């Protein structure tokens, strides 16, 4: 191999090295800072870029995509002197490559420490119950504070999430007992409300039943009163008719009226459940005689209707019913 070939190879290698130092290809999601003699001059966006050979060079290769950083676990004392262990995660995105590259050293570490200090401040200003129940509020406060602090670094904090909150063991046990007592209290209240509703429903049902029964008794009393009124009116008309007959001198009418009442009373006596033996009184013959007199009166009335009207003459007084002889047999009328 002669000197000319070696020289040509060296020149070719230098040309390739010069070409790679002049042409820079930036991948998507990245940005390169360009330095001229160590001083920042510009930023290369994704794509192809050209540099001045031996004068410019790539300073920092910045990741412009959203990144996730862990916040280490730390113990924090709350406002009510309770010790809790807290950790979290933070989502950041570099918005300005030059600021992120030259205004802060070790950007992930700086943001992690910033999150830890602010997390301690926010949680320490709250009581334990608030810390355990208001994670969203803690996240919002942390996001507002840390985003404002990282803005000069050209970094945007998109969100912060509390990943775990661990109170001490004794507090955890006390919280479990408190939760159990609260559940039991709610169960007792629910059961009492159910019994109250059932009692009210039963009372309402009894009230409606009593009202319906009272209305039924009222309607029955009204019907009974109306029936008694009708019966009294019928009795009054019958009494008035008998009185008119007596006033006209018709004795058979009063005999009929008395006989009817006598028969009704004797029938009630016979229907009595306590009555086992019915004794016919000796005066029963008089009743039979009265009935016979009624039959005679009916026959005379029919005869008068067939014969037509007769001149007015004083009518003979009807014979009184004869008393029956021994054995309840009425002798024939002469």
C-alpha atoms as a PDB file:
ATOM      1  CA  UNK A   1       0.000   0.000   0.000  1.00  0.00           C
ATOM      2  CA  UNK A   2       1.643   3.257  -1.143  1.00  0.00           C
ATOM      3  CA  UNK A   3       1.492   6.661   0.481  1.00  0.00           C
ATOM      4  CA  UNK A   4      -1.051   7.999  -1.973  1.00  0.00           C
ATOM      5  CA  UNK A   5      -3.608   5.350  -1.061  1.00  0.00           C
ATOM      6  CA  UNK A   6      -3.145   5.975   2.648  1.00  0.00           C
ATOM      7  CA  UNK A   7      -3.509   9.709   2.168  1.00  0.00           C
ATOM      8  CA  UNK A   8      -6.683   9.218   0.148  1.00  0.00           C
ATOM      9  CA  UNK A   9      -8.154   6.999   2.857  1.00  0.00           C
ATOM     10  CA  UNK A  10      -7.349   9.550   5.539  1.00  0.00           C
ATOM     11  CA  UNK A  11      -8.914  12.323   3.504  1.00  0.00           C
ATOM     12  CA  UNK A  12     -12.020  10.215   2.982  1.00  0.00           C
ATOM     13  CA  UNK A  13     -12.376   9.516   6.673  1.00  0.00           C
ATOM     14  CA  UNK A  14     -11.956  13.204   7.457  1.00  0.00           C
ATOM     15  CA  UNK A  15     -14.597  14.061   4.890  1.00  0.00           C
ATOM     16  CA  UNK A  16     -17.062  11.585   6.411  1.00  0.00           C
ATOM     17  CA  UNK A  17     -16.364  12.899   9.935  1.00  0.00           C
ATOM     18  CA  UNK A  18     -16.783  16.453   8.695  1.00  0.00           C
ATOM     19  CA  UNK A  19     -20.055  15.541   7.032  1.00  0.00           C
ATOM     20  CA  UNK A  20     -21.454  13.976  10.222  1.00  0.00           C
ATOM     21  CA  UNK A  21     -20.365  16.986  12.245  1.00  0.00           C
ATOM     22  CA  UNK A  22     -22.048  19.399   9.862  1.00  0.00           C
ATOM     23  CA  UNK A  23     -25.335  17.537   9.256  1.00  0.00           C
ATOM     24  CA  UNK A  24     -27.527  16.760  12.300  1.00  0.00           C
ATOM     25  CA  UNK A  25     -30.793  14.818  12.187  1.00  0.00           C
ATOM     26  CA  UNK A  26     -33.087  15.535  15.156  1.00  0.00           C
ATOM     27  CA  UNK A  27     -35.694  12.778  15.917  1.00  0.00           C
ATOM     28  CA  UNK A  28     -39.331  13.578  16.684  1.00  0.00           C
ATOM     29  CA  UNK A  29     -39.942  14.513  20.319  1.00  0.00           C
ATOM     30  CA  UNK A  30     -36.398  15.825  20.781  1.00  0.00           C
ATOM     31  CA  UNK A  31     -34.664  19.177  20.447  1.00  0.00           C
ATOM     32  CA  UNK A  32     -30.948  19.899  20.295  1.00  0.00           C
ATOM     33  CA  UNK A  33     -29.305  23.021  21.624  1.00  0.00           C
ATOM     34  CA  UNK A  34     -26.454  24.394  19.473  1.00  0.00           C
ATOM     35  CA  UNK A  35     -23.392  25.998  21.052  1.00  0.00           C
ATOM     36  CA  UNK A  36     -20.801  28.143  19.285  1.00  0.00           C
ATOM     37  CA  UNK A  37     -17.523  28.074  21.160  1.00  0.00           C
ATOM     38  CA  UNK A  38     -19.483  26.932  24.242  1.00  0.00           C
ATOM     39  CA  UNK A  39     -22.181  29.599  24.001  1.00  0.00           C
ATOM     40  CA  UNK A  40     -25.795  28.770  23.253  1.00  0.00           C
ATOM     41  CA  UNK A  41     -26.867  30.108  19.886  1.00  0.00           C
ATOM     42  CA  UNK A  42     -29.968  28.247  18.690  1.00  0.00           C
ATOM     43  CA  UNK A  43     -32.168  25.161  19.026  1.00  0.00           C
ATOM     44  CA  UNK A  44     -32.626  22.519  16.367  1.00  0.00           C
ATOM     45  CA  UNK A  45     -36.187  21.246  15.918  1.00  0.00           C
ATOM     46  CA  UNK A  46     -36.999  17.688  14.723  1.00  0.00           C
ATOM     47  CA  UNK A  47     -35.677  17.145  11.207  1.00  0.00           C
ATOM     48  CA  UNK A  48     -32.319  17.846   9.510  1.00  0.00           C
ATOM     49  CA  UNK A  49     -30.024  20.700  10.492  1.00  0.00           C
ATOM     50  CA  UNK A  50     -26.651  22.040   9.377  1.00  0.00           C
ATOM     51  CA  UNK A  51     -23.845  23.285  11.603  1.00  0.00           C
ATOM     52  CA  UNK A  52     -20.731  25.278  10.954  1.00  0.00           C
ATOM     53  CA  UNK A  53     -17.843  22.822  11.039  1.00  0.00           C
ATOM     54  CA  UNK A  54     -15.287  23.173  13.845  1.00  0.00           C
ATOM     55  CA  UNK A  55     -17.264  26.143  15.264  1.00  0.00           C
ATOM     56  CA  UNK A  56     -20.713  24.873  16.303  1.00  0.00           C
ATOM     57  CA  UNK A  57     -21.628  21.712  18.139  1.00  0.00           C
ATOM     58  CA  UNK A  58     -24.637  20.093  19.826  1.00  0.00           C
ATOM     59  CA  UNK A  59     -24.881  21.166  23.453  1.00  0.00           C
ATOM     60  CA  UNK A  60     -27.848  19.318  25.048  1.00  0.00           C
ATOM     61  CA  UNK A  61     -30.287  16.779  23.667  1.00  0.00           C
ATOM     62  CA  UNK A  62     -33.599  17.591  25.381  1.00  0.00           C
ATOM     63  CA  UNK A  63     -36.618  15.295  25.633  1.00  0.00           C
ATOM     64  CA  UNK A  64     -39.715  17.355  24.721  1.00  0.00           C
ATOM     65  CA  UNK A  65     -42.235  14.598  25.474  1.00  0.00           C
ATOM     66  CA  UNK A  66     -44.258  14.374  28.700  1.00  0.00           C
ATOM     67  CA  UNK A  67     -42.293  12.633  31.414  1.00  0.00           C
ATOM     68  CA  UNK A  68     -43.302  10.943  34.660  1.00  0.00           C
ATOM     69  CA  UNK A  69     -41.192  11.465  37.774  1.00  0.00           C
ATOM     70  CA  UNK A  70     -41.567   9.635  41.079  1.00  0.00           C
ATOM     71  CA  UNK A  71     -41.786  11.608  44.304  1.00  0.00           C
ATOM     72  CA  UNK A  72     -39.980   9.542  46.989  1.00  0.00           C
ATOM     73  CA  UNK A  73     -41.866   8.426  50.100  1.00  0.00           C
ATOM     74  CA  UNK A  74     -41.451  10.718  53.081  1.00  0.00           C
ATOM     75  CA  UNK A  75     -42.924  11.043  56.556  1.00  0.00           C
ATOM     76  CA  UNK A  76     -44.967  14.178  57.162  1.00  0.00           C
ATOM     77  CA  UNK A  77     -46.442  15.491  60.408  1.00  0.00           C
ATOM     78  CA  UNK A  78     -49.969  16.825  59.972  1.00  0.00           C
ATOM     79  CA  UNK A  79     -51.492  19.806  61.723  1.00  0.00           C
ATOM     80  CA  UNK A  80     -52.917  17.586  64.482  1.00  0.00           C
ATOM     81  CA  UNK A  81     -49.514  15.922  65.080  1.00  0.00           C
ATOM     82  CA  UNK A  82     -50.200  12.685  63.219  1.00  0.00           C
ATOM     83  CA  UNK A  83     -47.379  11.053  61.289  1.00  0.00           C
ATOM     84  CA  UNK A  84     -48.233   9.905  57.763  1.00  0.00           C
ATOM     85  CA  UNK A  85     -46.154   8.486  54.929  1.00  0.00           C
ATOM     86  CA  UNK A  86     -46.756  10.194  51.595  1.00  0.00           C
ATOM     87  CA  UNK A  87     -45.478   9.613  48.084  1.00  0.00           C
ATOM     88  CA  UNK A  88     -46.649  10.619  44.622  1.00  0.00           C
ATOM     89  CA  UNK A  89     -45.942  11.097  40.947  1.00  0.00           C
ATOM     90  CA  UNK A  90     -45.573  14.246  38.849  1.00  0.00           C
ATOM     91  CA  UNK A  91     -46.126  14.665  35.097  1.00  0.00           C
ATOM     92  CA  UNK A  92     -43.892  17.291  33.444  1.00  0.00           C
ATOM     93  CA  UNK A  93     -43.158  18.447  29.917  1.00  0.00           C
ATOM     94  CA  UNK A  94     -40.264  20.611  28.702  1.00  0.00           C
ATOM     95  CA  UNK A  95     -41.637  23.598  26.804  1.00  0.00           C
ATOM     96  CA  UNK A  96     -38.378  25.545  26.289  1.00  0.00           C
ATOM     97  CA  UNK A  97     -35.283  23.415  25.641  1.00  0.00           C
ATOM     98  CA  UNK A  98     -32.795  26.243  26.169  1.00  0.00           C
ATOM     99  CA  UNK A  99     -34.210  27.199  29.616  1.00  0.00           C
ATOM    100  CA  UNK A 100     -34.455  23.575  30.729  1.00  0.00           C
ATOM    101  CA  UNK A 101     -30.865  22.971  29.613  1.00  0.00           C
ATOM    102  CA  UNK A 102     -29.101  26.043  30.950  1.00  0.00           C
ATOM    103  CA  UNK A 103     -31.183  27.394  33.862  1.00  0.00           C
ATOM    104  CA  UNK A 104     -31.211  24.323  36.083  1.00  0.00           C
ATOM    105  CA  UNK A 105     -28.821  21.475  36.581  1.00  0.00           C
ATOM    106  CA  UNK A 106     -30.260  17.958  36.779  1.00  0.00           C
ATOM    107  CA  UNK A 107     -33.829  18.895  36.026  1.00  0.00           C
ATOM    108  CA  UNK A 108     -35.512  15.626  37.241  1.00  0.00           C
ATOM    109  CA  UNK A 109     -33.792  15.799  40.616  1.00  0.00           C
ATOM    110  CA  UNK A 110     -34.653  19.475  41.043  1.00  0.00           C
ATOM    111  CA  UNK A 111     -38.344  18.884  40.315  1.00  0.00           C
ATOM    112  CA  UNK A 112     -38.448  15.848  42.619  1.00  0.00           C
ATOM    113  CA  UNK A 113     -37.011  17.848  45.517  1.00  0.00           C
ATOM    114  CA  UNK A 114     -39.373  20.711  44.808  1.00  0.00           C
ATOM    115  CA  UNK A 115     -42.341  18.347  44.966  1.00  0.00           C
ATOM    116  CA  UNK A 116     -41.175  16.815  48.238  1.00  0.00           C
ATOM    117  CA  UNK A 117     -40.769  20.149  50.005  1.00  0.00           C
ATOM    118  CA  UNK A 118     -44.102  21.517  48.831  1.00  0.00           C
ATOM    119  CA  UNK A 119     -45.857  18.235  49.638  1.00  0.00           C
ATOM    120  CA  UNK A 120     -44.528  18.480  53.176  1.00  0.00           C
ATOM    121  CA  UNK A 121     -45.757  22.054  53.427  1.00  0.00           C
ATOM    122  CA  UNK A 122     -49.259  21.366  52.095  1.00  0.00           C
ATOM    123  CA  UNK A 123     -49.878  18.196  54.098  1.00  0.00           C
ATOM    124  CA  UNK A 124     -48.443  19.752  57.255  1.00  0.00           C
ATOM    125  CA  UNK A 125     -51.017  22.549  57.093  1.00  0.00           C
ATOM    126  CA  UNK A 126     -53.953  20.097  57.152  1.00  0.00           C
ATOM    127  CA  UNK A 127     -55.397  17.753  59.756  1.00  0.00           C
ATOM    128  CA  UNK A 128     -55.293  13.995  59.293  1.00  0.00           C
ATOM    129  CA  UNK A 129     -58.964  13.641  58.351  1.00  0.00           C
ATOM    130  CA  UNK A 130     -58.572  16.351  55.729  1.00  0.00           C
ATOM    131  CA  UNK A 131     -55.429  14.720  54.342  1.00  0.00           C
ATOM    132  CA  UNK A 132     -57.177  11.372  53.981  1.00  0.00           C
ATOM    133  CA  UNK A 133     -60.373  12.760  52.467  1.00  0.00           C
ATOM    134  CA  UNK A 134     -59.139  15.686  50.355  1.00  0.00           C
ATOM    135  CA  UNK A 135     -56.544  14.278  47.983  1.00  0.00           C
ATOM    136  CA  UNK A 136     -57.922  16.303  45.111  1.00  0.00           C
ATOM    137  CA  UNK A 137     -57.446  19.488  47.095  1.00  0.00           C
ATOM    138  CA  UNK A 138     -53.829  18.523  47.890  1.00  0.00           C
ATOM    139  CA  UNK A 139     -53.149  17.734  44.232  1.00  0.00           C
ATOM    140  CA  UNK A 140     -54.575  21.073  43.107  1.00  0.00           C
ATOM    141  CA  UNK A 141     -52.548  23.080  45.608  1.00  0.00           C
ATOM    142  CA  UNK A 142     -49.346  21.238  44.749  1.00  0.00           C
ATOM    143  CA  UNK A 143     -49.907  21.683  41.037  1.00  0.00           C
ATOM    144  CA  UNK A 144     -50.434  25.425  41.390  1.00  0.00           C
ATOM    145  CA  UNK A 145     -47.296  25.925  43.524  1.00  0.00           C
ATOM    146  CA  UNK A 146     -44.907  23.652  41.581  1.00  0.00           C
ATOM    147  CA  UNK A 147     -46.046  24.835  38.158  1.00  0.00           C
ATOM    148  CA  UNK A 148     -45.326  28.425  39.165  1.00  0.00           C
ATOM    149  CA  UNK A 149     -41.899  27.404  40.509  1.00  0.00           C
ATOM    150  CA  UNK A 150     -40.864  25.484  37.355  1.00  0.00           C
ATOM    151  CA  UNK A 151     -42.032  28.092  34.848  1.00  0.00           C
ATOM    152  CA  UNK A 152     -38.603  29.883  34.766  1.00  0.00           C
ATOM    153  CA  UNK A 153     -37.038  26.514  33.887  1.00  0.00           C
ATOM    154  CA  UNK A 154     -39.167  26.198  30.773  1.00  0.00           C
ATOM    155  CA  UNK A 155     -41.049  23.206  32.227  1.00  0.00           C
ATOM    156  CA  UNK A 156     -44.813  22.735  32.404  1.00  0.00           C
ATOM    157  CA  UNK A 157     -46.182  20.617  35.261  1.00  0.00           C
ATOM    158  CA  UNK A 158     -49.334  19.043  33.874  1.00  0.00           C
ATOM    159  CA  UNK A 159     -50.580  17.211  36.988  1.00  0.00           C
ATOM    160  CA  UNK A 160     -49.519  15.839  40.338  1.00  0.00           C
ATOM    161  CA  UNK A 161     -51.081  12.798  41.983  1.00  0.00           C
ATOM    162  CA  UNK A 162     -50.748  11.582  45.560  1.00  0.00           C
ATOM    163  CA  UNK A 163     -50.017   7.902  45.109  1.00  0.00           C
ATOM    164  CA  UNK A 164     -50.187   6.637  48.686  1.00  0.00           C
ATOM    165  CA  UNK A 165     -51.074   7.935  52.137  1.00  0.00           C
ATOM    166  CA  UNK A 166     -50.243   5.637  55.040  1.00  0.00           C
ATOM    167  CA  UNK A 167     -51.192   6.688  58.570  1.00  0.00           C
ATOM    168  CA  UNK A 168     -49.654   4.972  61.643  1.00  0.00           C
ATOM    169  CA  UNK A 169     -50.939   1.541  62.696  1.00  0.00           C
ATOM    170  CA  UNK A 170     -52.678   2.733  65.872  1.00  0.00           C
ATOM    171  CA  UNK A 171     -54.496   5.442  63.950  1.00  0.00           C
ATOM    172  CA  UNK A 172     -55.503   2.903  61.325  1.00  0.00           C
ATOM    173  CA  UNK A 173     -56.968   0.656  64.030  1.00  0.00           C
ATOM    174  CA  UNK A 174     -58.792   3.577  65.611  1.00  0.00           C
ATOM    175  CA  UNK A 175     -60.209   4.531  62.226  1.00  0.00           C
ATOM    176  CA  UNK A 176     -61.404   0.956  61.683  1.00  0.00           C
ATOM    177  CA  UNK A 177     -63.203   0.984  65.054  1.00  0.00           C
ATOM    178  CA  UNK A 178     -64.688   4.381  64.268  1.00  0.00           C
ATOM    179  CA  UNK A 179     -65.921   3.156  60.895  1.00  0.00           C
ATOM    180  CA  UNK A 180     -67.490   0.075  62.512  1.00  0.00           C
ATOM    181  CA  UNK A 181     -69.226   2.196  65.135  1.00  0.00           C
ATOM    182  CA  UNK A 182     -70.500   4.558  62.457  1.00  0.00           C
ATOM    183  CA  UNK A 183     -71.851   1.646  60.420  1.00  0.00           C
ATOM    184  CA  UNK A 184     -73.611   0.236  63.470  1.00  0.00           C
ATOM    185  CA  UNK A 185     -75.087   3.640  64.270  1.00  0.00           C
ATOM    186  CA  UNK A 186     -76.430   3.959  60.744  1.00  0.00           C
ATOM    187  CA  UNK A 187     -77.882   0.458  60.944  1.00  0.00           C
ATOM    188  CA  UNK A 188     -79.672   1.286  64.203  1.00  0.00           C
ATOM    189  CA  UNK A 189     -81.007   4.540  62.759  1.00  0.00           C
ATOM    190  CA  UNK A 190     -82.186   2.766  59.618  1.00  0.00           C
ATOM    191  CA  UNK A 191     -83.907   0.058  61.670  1.00  0.00           C
ATOM    192  CA  UNK A 192     -85.557   2.687  63.886  1.00  0.00           C
ATOM    193  CA  UNK A 193     -86.763   4.587  60.827  1.00  0.00           C
ATOM    194  CA  UNK A 194     -88.222   1.362  59.438  1.00  0.00           C
ATOM    195  CA  UNK A 195     -90.044   0.612  62.699  1.00  0.00           C
ATOM    196  CA  UNK A 196     -91.307   4.184  62.815  1.00  0.00           C
ATOM    197  CA  UNK A 197     -92.628   3.976  59.270  1.00  0.00           C
ATOM    198  CA  UNK A 198     -94.274   0.616  60.030  1.00  0.00           C
ATOM    199  CA  UNK A 199     -95.915   1.987  63.184  1.00  0.00           C
ATOM    200  CA  UNK A 200     -97.196   5.010  61.275  1.00  0.00           C
ATOM    201  CA  UNK A 201     -98.562   2.754  58.546  1.00  0.00           C
ATOM    202  CA  UNK A 202    -100.297   0.535  61.110  1.00  0.00           C
ATOM    203  CA  UNK A 203    -101.737   3.576  62.875  1.00  0.00           C
ATOM    204  CA  UNK A 204    -102.987   4.966  59.585  1.00  0.00           C
ATOM    205  CA  UNK A 205    -104.571   1.614  58.763  1.00  0.00           C
ATOM    206  CA  UNK A 206    -106.259   1.421  62.177  1.00  0.00           C
ATOM    207  CA  UNK A 207    -107.460   5.005  61.760  1.00  0.00           C
ATOM    208  CA  UNK A 208    -108.960   4.289  58.356  1.00  0.00           C
ATOM    209  CA  UNK A 209    -110.555   1.100  59.670  1.00  0.00           C
ATOM    210  CA  UNK A 210    -112.058   2.967  62.643  1.00  0.00           C
ATOM    211  CA  UNK A 211    -113.371   5.680  60.327  1.00  0.00           C
ATOM    212  CA  UNK A 212    -114.948   3.104  58.026  1.00  0.00           C
ATOM    213  CA  UNK A 213    -116.470   1.244  60.968  1.00  0.00           C
ATOM    214  CA  UNK A 214    -117.843   4.488  62.381  1.00  0.00           C
ATOM    215  CA  UNK A 215    -119.308   5.387  59.007  1.00  0.00           C
ATOM    216  CA  UNK A 216    -120.831   1.910  58.787  1.00  0.00           C
ATOM    217  CA  UNK A 217    -122.367   2.248  62.250  1.00  0.00           C
ATOM    218  CA  UNK A 218    -123.634   5.690  61.345  1.00  0.00           C
ATOM    219  CA  UNK A 219    -125.220   4.406  58.149  1.00  0.00           C
ATOM    220  CA  UNK A 220    -126.694   1.406  60.002  1.00  0.00           C
ATOM    221  CA  UNK A 221    -128.092   3.650  62.737  1.00  0.00           C
ATOM    222  CA  UNK A 222    -129.561   5.932  60.093  1.00  0.00           C
ATOM    223  CA  UNK A 223    -131.171   2.972  58.342  1.00  0.00           C
ATOM    224  CA  UNK A 224    -132.468   1.584  61.649  1.00  0.00           C
ATOM    225  CA  UNK A 225    -133.887   4.970  62.602  1.00  0.00           C
ATOM    226  CA  UNK A 226    -135.527   5.280  59.206  1.00  0.00           C
ATOM    227  CA  UNK A 227    -137.008   1.773  59.558  1.00  0.00           C
ATOM    228  CA  UNK A 228    -138.302   2.552  63.039  1.00  0.00           C
ATOM    229  CA  UNK A 229    -139.762   5.795  61.728  1.00  0.00           C
ATOM    230  CA  UNK A 230    -141.540   3.938  58.921  1.00  0.00           C
ATOM    231  CA  UNK A 231    -142.765   1.319  61.384  1.00  0.00           C
ATOM    232  CA  UNK A 232    -143.977   4.004  63.778  1.00  0.00           C
ATOM    233  CA  UNK A 233    -145.793   5.748  60.929  1.00  0.00           C
ATOM    234  CA  UNK A 234    -147.469   2.472  59.941  1.00  0.00           C
ATOM    235  CA  UNK A 235    -148.384   1.801  63.575  1.00  0.00           C
ATOM    236  CA  UNK A 236    -149.749   5.292  63.904  1.00  0.00           C
ATOM    237  CA  UNK A 237    -151.884   4.895  60.792  1.00  0.00           C
ATOM    238  CA  UNK A 238    -153.169   1.526  62.038  1.00  0.00           C
ATOM    239  CA  UNK A 239    -153.961   3.026  65.447  1.00  0.00           C
ATOM    240  CA  UNK A 240    -155.691   5.954  63.782  1.00  0.00           C
ATOM    241  CA  UNK A 241    -157.818   3.608  61.678  1.00  0.00           C
ATOM    242  CA  UNK A 242    -158.770   1.549  64.752  1.00  0.00           C
ATOM    243  CA  UNK A 243    -159.601   4.724  66.646  1.00  0.00           C
ATOM    244  CA  UNK A 244    -161.830   5.876  63.813  1.00  0.00           C
ATOM    245  CA  UNK A 245    -163.536   2.467  63.804  1.00  0.00           C
ATOM    246  CA  UNK A 246    -164.106   2.652  67.571  1.00  0.00           C
ATOM    247  CA  UNK A 247    -165.448   6.159  67.186  1.00  0.00           C
ATOM    248  CA  UNK A 248    -167.927   4.832  64.653  1.00  0.00           C
ATOM    249  CA  UNK A 249    -168.978   2.135  67.142  1.00  0.00           C
ATOM    250  CA  UNK A 250    -167.306  -0.772  65.396  1.00  0.00           C
ATOM    251  CA  UNK A 251    -166.252  -3.100  68.257  1.00  0.00           C
ATOM    252  CA  UNK A 252    -164.942  -5.805  65.947  1.00  0.00           C
ATOM    253  CA  UNK A 253    -162.057  -3.548  64.892  1.00  0.00           C
ATOM    254  CA  UNK A 254    -160.766  -3.216  68.452  1.00  0.00           C
ATOM    255  CA  UNK A 255    -161.225  -6.938  68.962  1.00  0.00           C
ATOM    256  CA  UNK A 256    -159.150  -7.598  65.846  1.00  0.00           C
ATOM    257  CA  UNK A 257    -156.441  -5.209  67.003  1.00  0.00           C
ATOM    258  CA  UNK A 258    -156.230  -6.777  70.487  1.00  0.00           C
ATOM    259  CA  UNK A 259    -156.228 -10.302  69.074  1.00  0.00           C
ATOM    260  CA  UNK A 260    -153.377  -9.456  66.714  1.00  0.00           C
ATOM    261  CA  UNK A 261    -151.227  -8.095  69.556  1.00  0.00           C
ATOM    262  CA  UNK A 262    -152.076 -11.123  71.688  1.00  0.00           C
ATOM    263  CA  UNK A 263    -150.995 -13.549  68.973  1.00  0.00           C
ATOM    264  CA  UNK A 264    -147.755 -11.649  68.341  1.00  0.00           C
ATOM    265  CA  UNK A 265    -146.864 -11.683  72.042  1.00  0.00           C
ATOM    266  CA  UNK A 266    -147.565 -15.390  72.338  1.00  0.00           C
ATOM    267  CA  UNK A 267    -145.450 -16.080  69.213  1.00  0.00           C
ATOM    268  CA  UNK A 268    -142.509 -14.181  70.711  1.00  0.00           C
ATOM    269  CA  UNK A 269    -142.883 -16.221  73.897  1.00  0.00           C
ATOM    270  CA  UNK A 270    -142.815 -19.466  71.899  1.00  0.00           C
ATOM    271  CA  UNK A 271    -139.711 -18.421  69.914  1.00  0.00           C
ATOM    272  CA  UNK A 272    -137.663 -17.613  73.040  1.00  0.00           C
ATOM    273  CA  UNK A 273    -134.485 -19.813  73.168  1.00  0.00           C
ATOM    274  CA  UNK A 274    -134.921 -20.268  76.925  1.00  0.00           C
ATOM    275  CA  UNK A 275    -138.468 -21.533  76.503  1.00  0.00           C
ATOM    276  CA  UNK A 276    -138.657 -25.351  76.488  1.00  0.00           C
ATOM    277  CA  UNK A 277    -142.353 -25.896  77.345  1.00  0.00           C
ATOM    278  CA  UNK A 278    -145.237 -23.667  76.215  1.00  0.00           C
ATOM    279  CA  UNK A 279    -148.336 -23.646  78.474  1.00  0.00           C
ATOM    280  CA  UNK A 280    -151.495 -22.497  76.755  1.00  0.00           C
ATOM    281  CA  UNK A 281    -153.383 -20.201  79.151  1.00  0.00           C
ATOM    282  CA  UNK A 282    -157.077 -20.688  79.988  1.00  0.00           C
ATOM    283  CA  UNK A 283    -157.905 -17.364  78.309  1.00  0.00           C
ATOM    284  CA  UNK A 284    -156.902 -18.821  74.936  1.00  0.00           C
ATOM    285  CA  UNK A 285    -160.522 -19.656  74.340  1.00  0.00           C
ATOM    286  CA  UNK A 286    -161.369 -15.993  74.460  1.00  0.00           C
ATOM    287  CA  UNK A 287    -158.892 -15.441  71.711  1.00  0.00           C
ATOM    288  CA  UNK A 288    -160.542 -18.166  69.652  1.00  0.00           C
ATOM    289  CA  UNK A 289    -163.894 -16.565  70.263  1.00  0.00           C
ATOM    290  CA  UNK A 290    -162.527 -13.250  69.163  1.00  0.00           C
ATOM    291  CA  UNK A 291    -161.226 -14.799  65.945  1.00  0.00           C
ATOM    292  CA  UNK A 292    -164.639 -16.411  65.378  1.00  0.00           C
ATOM    293  CA  UNK A 293    -166.248 -12.993  65.877  1.00  0.00           C
ATOM    294  CA  UNK A 294    -163.898 -11.541  63.329  1.00  0.00           C
ATOM    295  CA  UNK A 295    -164.906 -14.266  60.854  1.00  0.00           C
ATOM    296  CA  UNK A 296    -168.576 -13.520  61.485  1.00  0.00           C
ATOM    297  CA  UNK A 297    -167.958  -9.823  60.926  1.00  0.00           C
ATOM    298  CA  UNK A 298    -166.246 -10.548  57.628  1.00  0.00           C
ATOM    299  CA  UNK A 299    -169.190 -12.735  56.554  1.00  0.00           C
ATOM    300  CA  UNK A 300    -171.711  -9.992  57.379  1.00  0.00           C
ATOM    301  CA  UNK A 301    -169.663  -7.491  55.413  1.00  0.00           C
ATOM    302  CA  UNK A 302    -169.655  -9.755  52.358  1.00  0.00           C
ATOM    303  CA  UNK A 303    -173.417 -10.279  52.666  1.00  0.00           C
ATOM    304  CA  UNK A 304    -174.044  -6.558  52.822  1.00  0.00           C
ATOM    305  CA  UNK A 305    -171.934  -6.039  49.717  1.00  0.00           C
ATOM    306  CA  UNK A 306    -174.017  -8.646  47.800  1.00  0.00           C
ATOM    307  CA  UNK A 307    -177.402  -7.233  48.992  1.00  0.00           C
ATOM    308  CA  UNK A 308    -176.509  -3.636  48.354  1.00  0.00           C
ATOM    309  CA  UNK A 309    -177.068  -0.597  50.624  1.00  0.00           C
ATOM    310  CA  UNK A 310    -179.809  -0.892  53.265  1.00  0.00           C
ATOM    311  CA  UNK A 311    -181.676   1.851  55.078  1.00  0.00           C
ATOM    312  CA  UNK A 312    -179.913   3.193  58.067  1.00  0.00           C
ATOM    313  CA  UNK A 313    -181.037   1.375  61.203  1.00  0.00           C
ATOM    314  CA  UNK A 314    -179.376   1.136  64.496  1.00  0.00           C
ATOM    315  CA  UNK A 315    -177.158  -1.906  64.309  1.00  0.00           C
ATOM    316  CA  UNK A 316    -177.294  -4.476  66.967  1.00  0.00           C
ATOM    317  CA  UNK A 317    -174.333  -4.548  69.207  1.00  0.00           C
ATOM    318  CA  UNK A 318    -172.013  -7.436  68.458  1.00  0.00           C
ATOM    319  CA  UNK A 319    -172.034 -10.178  70.961  1.00  0.00           C
ATOM    320  CA  UNK A 320    -168.908 -10.380  73.057  1.00  0.00           C
ATOM    321  CA  UNK A 321    -166.841 -13.479  72.582  1.00  0.00           C
ATOM    322  CA  UNK A 322    -167.810 -16.273  74.889  1.00  0.00           C
ATOM    323  CA  UNK A 323    -165.279 -17.684  77.257  1.00  0.00           C
ATOM    324  CA  UNK A 324    -164.276 -21.242  76.476  1.00  0.00           C
ATOM    325  CA  UNK A 325    -165.324 -24.067  78.660  1.00  0.00           C
ATOM    326  CA  UNK A 326    -162.915 -26.436  80.240  1.00  0.00           C
ATOM    327  CA  UNK A 327    -160.487 -27.850  77.753  1.00  0.00           C
ATOM    328  CA  UNK A 328    -160.273 -24.662  75.641  1.00  0.00           C
ATOM    329  CA  UNK A 329    -163.411 -25.462  73.463  1.00  0.00           C
ATOM    330  CA  UNK A 330    -165.700 -22.575  72.639  1.00  0.00           C
ATOM    331  CA  UNK A 331    -169.421 -23.521  72.623  1.00  0.00           C
ATOM    332  CA  UNK A 332    -171.290 -22.719  69.434  1.00  0.00           C
ATOM    333  CA  UNK A 333    -172.978 -19.374  69.261  1.00  0.00           C
ATOM    334  CA  UNK A 334    -176.781 -19.444  69.454  1.00  0.00           C
END
